[in-house]
Every structure is written in C-alpha cells, then in structure tokens.
C-alpha cells in the first residue's frame, strides 16, 4: 500500500486542482479502502496482534504521512513503515 501511495501523490495533487476533496470520486475511493481495510484490522485485533485502540483511519493517517517523506530510496520508506508497524519499543525475540 505504501508503494501505491508514494506513486499516486502527483495524481492526487492534480485531481485536487480540479475536484473538491469531498467529490464523489474521492468518497468512493475512501469507501473502497475502508471496506477492504477495516475487516483486516478487526481480524488482527481479534487475534491479539494489533492494539485494540487503533482505528483504520489511524493506520491510513500513519501511512499517508510516511508516504510523504522526502527520500530518494524506496527501501528507506519501507523500513520506516516496518518500524511504524512494529513500534519503537524493543521486544526481545522469544
């Protein structure tokens, strides 16, 4: 998903020059993303592998912010996503 967000930045910027943020196109995209992502997050929470206080919109905000990082190496973005998803707290491997 992060790769998709990074590559679509210019397209989104251009679309926003012509469409309102609440345009039907963007609303449908949001509905589609939430329809796919919310059940995945819920299953992960039910399995105990994701914090129960996280909402899907939190995940999207985190990934959107990371996708805007000014980096030259896509591997750096992927590394930061892994850090964000794992958390900063050290957890020794069992």
Protein backbone atom coordinates (compact mmCIF):
# COMPACT_ATOMS: atom_id res chain seq x y z
CA UNK A 1 0.00 0.00 0.00
CA UNK A 2 2.81 2.41 0.80
CA UNK A 3 4.26 1.99 -2.68
CA UNK A 4 0.87 2.79 -4.14
CA UNK A 5 0.53 5.91 -2.00
CA UNK A 6 4.01 7.10 -2.95
CA UNK A 7 3.42 6.69 -6.68
CA UNK A 8 -0.03 8.30 -6.67
CA UNK A 9 0.96 11.54 -4.92
CA UNK A 10 1.27 13.54 -8.14
CA UNK A 11 -2.02 12.18 -9.47
CA UNK A 12 -3.85 13.06 -6.26
CA UNK A 13 -2.34 16.54 -6.28
CA UNK A 14 -3.53 17.14 -9.84
CA UNK A 15 -7.00 15.77 -9.15
CA UNK A 16 -7.34 18.12 -6.19
CA UNK A 17 -6.70 21.02 -8.58
CA UNK A 18 -9.96 20.14 -10.33
CA UNK A 19 -12.06 18.30 -7.75
CA UNK A 20 -13.12 19.10 -4.23
CA UNK A 21 -11.78 16.80 -1.53
CA UNK A 22 -15.37 15.63 -0.96
CA UNK A 23 -16.01 14.83 -4.63
CA UNK A 24 -17.83 11.57 -5.39
CA UNK A 25 -14.62 10.09 -6.85
CA UNK A 26 -12.74 10.55 -3.57
CA UNK A 27 -15.70 9.41 -1.47
CA UNK A 28 -15.93 6.17 -3.45
CA UNK A 29 -12.19 5.60 -3.13
CA UNK A 30 -12.41 6.11 0.65
CA UNK A 31 -15.34 3.70 0.91
CA UNK A 32 -13.43 1.08 -1.07
CA UNK A 33 -10.27 1.44 1.02
CA UNK A 34 -12.21 1.31 4.30
CA UNK A 35 -14.30 -1.66 3.13
CA UNK A 36 -11.08 -3.58 2.47
CA UNK A 37 -9.03 -2.35 5.42
CA UNK A 38 -11.42 -2.29 8.36
CA UNK A 39 -12.16 -6.05 8.32
CA UNK A 40 -8.42 -6.80 8.10
CA UNK A 41 -7.70 -4.58 11.09
CA UNK A 42 -10.59 -6.10 13.05
CA UNK A 43 -9.31 -9.64 12.42
CA UNK A 44 -5.82 -8.62 13.53
CA UNK A 45 -7.24 -7.04 16.68
CA UNK A 46 -9.38 -10.11 17.40
CA UNK A 47 -6.24 -12.25 17.02
CA UNK A 48 -4.45 -10.02 19.53
CA UNK A 49 -1.71 -8.89 17.14
CA UNK A 50 -2.84 -5.26 16.85
CA UNK A 51 -3.67 -2.86 19.66
CA UNK A 52 -7.41 -2.68 20.34
CA UNK A 53 -7.41 1.13 20.48
CA UNK A 54 -6.31 1.54 16.83
CA UNK A 55 -8.82 2.53 14.20
CA UNK A 56 -8.33 2.01 10.48
CA UNK A 57 -8.25 5.77 9.97
CA UNK A 58 -5.22 5.86 12.32
CA UNK A 59 -3.42 3.36 10.09
CA UNK A 60 -4.24 5.38 6.98
CA UNK A 61 -3.03 8.62 8.56
CA UNK A 62 0.22 6.95 9.58
CA UNK A 63 0.84 5.51 6.12
CA UNK A 64 -0.14 8.74 4.38
CA UNK A 65 2.34 10.68 6.49
CA UNK A 66 5.12 8.19 5.81
CA UNK A 67 4.37 8.23 2.08
CA UNK A 68 5.08 11.97 2.04
CA UNK A 69 8.60 11.58 3.41
CA UNK A 70 11.18 13.21 1.13
CA UNK A 71 13.50 10.25 0.49
CA UNK A 72 15.38 9.06 -2.56
CA UNK A 73 15.48 5.40 -1.64
CA UNK A 74 12.17 3.47 -1.62
CA UNK A 75 13.79 0.94 0.71
CA UNK A 76 14.05 3.68 3.35
CA UNK A 77 10.30 4.26 3.18
CA UNK A 78 9.63 0.53 3.55
CA UNK A 79 12.00 0.42 6.52
CA UNK A 80 10.16 3.29 8.23
CA UNK A 81 6.82 1.56 7.60
CA UNK A 82 8.16 -1.60 9.25
CA UNK A 83 9.31 0.44 12.24
CA UNK A 84 5.92 2.16 12.48
CA UNK A 85 4.01 -1.10 12.25
CA UNK A 86 6.28 -2.89 14.73
CA UNK A 87 6.50 0.04 17.12
CA UNK A 88 9.58 1.57 18.64
CA UNK A 89 9.57 -0.46 21.81
CA UNK A 90 12.19 -3.17 21.91
CA UNK A 91 10.71 -6.64 22.27
CA UNK A 92 13.23 -9.45 22.60
CA UNK A 93 12.60 -12.37 20.29
CA UNK A 94 11.27 -15.44 22.17
